[in-house]
Amino acid sequence: YSKKKSFETVKWETDWNESYVEIEENKSDWSNGTEIHIYDLRSVWRKRRLEQLKVFLERTYNDSKMSIRIISENYNVTLSNYFPKPLLPDNI
């Protein structure tokens, strides 16, 4: 799902065979932002793999403009900034 302020919510679904986009009217209480739902995976994602995904996303997405949350049956965590206050080297 994705929603820009003052616009309708858009739902995009895809799998290996087809993809479609539609206006989602059941999320009218949602102000704005993006949600990504991943389900029906071929393999089971246990806590260790979810932790690896968390670390990867924390390192690659270093911004405070959005929050990322990973939710699973037995796992629910909001990612933190990997580099909260990056510093430039002295020799620059």
Protein backbone atom coordinates (compact mmCIF):
# COMPACT_ATOMS: atom_id res chain seq x y z
CA TYR A 1 0.00 0.00 0.00
CA SER A 2 1.11 3.54 -0.63
CA LYS A 3 -0.58 6.86 0.09
CA LYS A 4 0.47 10.41 -0.58
CA LYS A 5 -1.11 13.15 1.54
CA SER A 6 -4.47 14.28 0.12
CA PHE A 7 -4.56 11.37 -2.37
CA GLU A 8 -6.20 7.94 -2.39
CA THR A 9 -4.45 4.81 -1.11
CA VAL A 10 -2.97 2.61 -3.85
CA LYS A 11 -2.58 -1.15 -3.48
CA TRP A 12 -0.03 -2.97 -5.66
CA GLU A 13 0.07 -6.77 -5.62
CA THR A 14 2.47 -8.95 -7.52
CA ASP A 15 3.61 -12.56 -7.68
CA TRP A 16 5.69 -14.57 -10.13
CA ASN A 17 2.92 -14.57 -12.75
CA GLU A 18 1.00 -11.30 -12.61
CA SER A 19 0.85 -7.85 -11.10
CA TYR A 20 -1.92 -5.31 -10.62
CA VAL A 21 -2.57 -1.89 -9.06
CA GLU A 22 -5.88 -0.67 -7.65
CA ILE A 23 -7.32 2.07 -5.44
CA GLU A 24 -7.80 0.72 -1.90
CA GLU A 25 -10.88 2.19 -0.25
CA ASN A 26 -10.67 0.15 3.00
CA LYS A 27 -7.68 2.14 4.31
CA SER A 28 -9.41 5.51 4.63
CA ASP A 29 -8.16 5.98 8.21
CA TRP A 30 -4.54 5.85 7.05
CA SER A 31 -2.97 9.31 6.61
CA ASN A 32 0.07 8.65 4.39
CA GLY A 33 3.10 6.41 3.88
CA THR A 34 4.01 3.04 2.41
CA GLU A 35 3.45 -0.51 3.71
CA ILE A 36 5.05 -3.56 2.14
CA HIS A 37 3.60 -6.99 2.96
CA ILE A 38 5.56 -10.09 1.95
CA TYR A 39 3.81 -13.42 2.40
CA ASP A 40 3.53 -16.97 1.01
CA LEU A 41 7.30 -17.29 0.68
CA ARG A 42 8.77 -20.55 -0.61
CA SER A 43 10.91 -21.00 2.50
CA VAL A 44 10.29 -20.43 6.19
CA TRP A 45 11.84 -17.25 7.58
CA ARG A 46 12.98 -17.97 11.11
CA LYS A 47 14.24 -15.39 13.60
CA ARG A 48 17.87 -15.62 12.39
CA ARG A 49 16.95 -14.70 8.80
CA LEU A 50 14.72 -11.87 10.00
CA GLU A 51 17.62 -10.54 12.10
CA GLN A 52 19.87 -10.65 9.01
CA LEU A 53 17.25 -8.72 7.03
CA LYS A 54 17.02 -6.17 9.86
CA VAL A 55 20.80 -5.61 9.93
CA PHE A 56 20.94 -5.32 6.13
CA LEU A 57 18.11 -2.77 6.01
CA GLU A 58 19.59 -0.73 8.87
CA ARG A 59 22.89 -0.47 7.00
CA THR A 60 21.44 0.29 3.58
CA TYR A 61 18.63 2.68 4.53
CA ASN A 62 20.16 5.42 6.65
CA ASP A 63 17.47 8.08 6.85
CA SER A 64 15.03 9.35 9.45
CA LYS A 65 12.28 10.29 6.98
CA MET A 66 10.54 6.94 7.31
CA SER A 67 10.48 4.05 9.72
CA ILE A 68 10.82 0.40 8.80
CA ARG A 69 9.17 -2.32 10.86
CA ILE A 70 9.49 -6.07 10.39
CA ILE A 71 6.52 -8.02 11.68
CA SER A 72 6.21 -11.79 11.72
CA GLU A 73 4.39 -14.36 13.80
CA ASN A 74 6.98 -14.31 16.59
CA TYR A 75 9.01 -11.26 15.57
CA ASN A 76 8.16 -7.56 15.69
CA VAL A 77 10.91 -4.95 15.54
CA THR A 78 11.30 -1.36 14.36
CA LEU A 79 14.65 -0.67 12.75
CA SER A 80 17.00 1.93 14.15
CA ASN A 81 19.56 4.05 12.34
CA TYR A 82 22.77 2.09 11.89
CA PHE A 83 24.78 5.33 11.69
CA PRO A 84 22.80 7.73 13.91
CA LYS A 85 25.34 10.57 13.54
CA PRO A 86 27.83 9.78 10.77
CA LEU A 87 31.13 11.66 11.01
CA LEU A 88 33.43 12.69 8.18
CA PRO A 89 37.09 11.70 8.46
CA ASP A 90 39.56 14.38 9.62
CA ASN A 91 41.56 14.33 6.39
CA ILE A 92 38.78 15.65 4.15
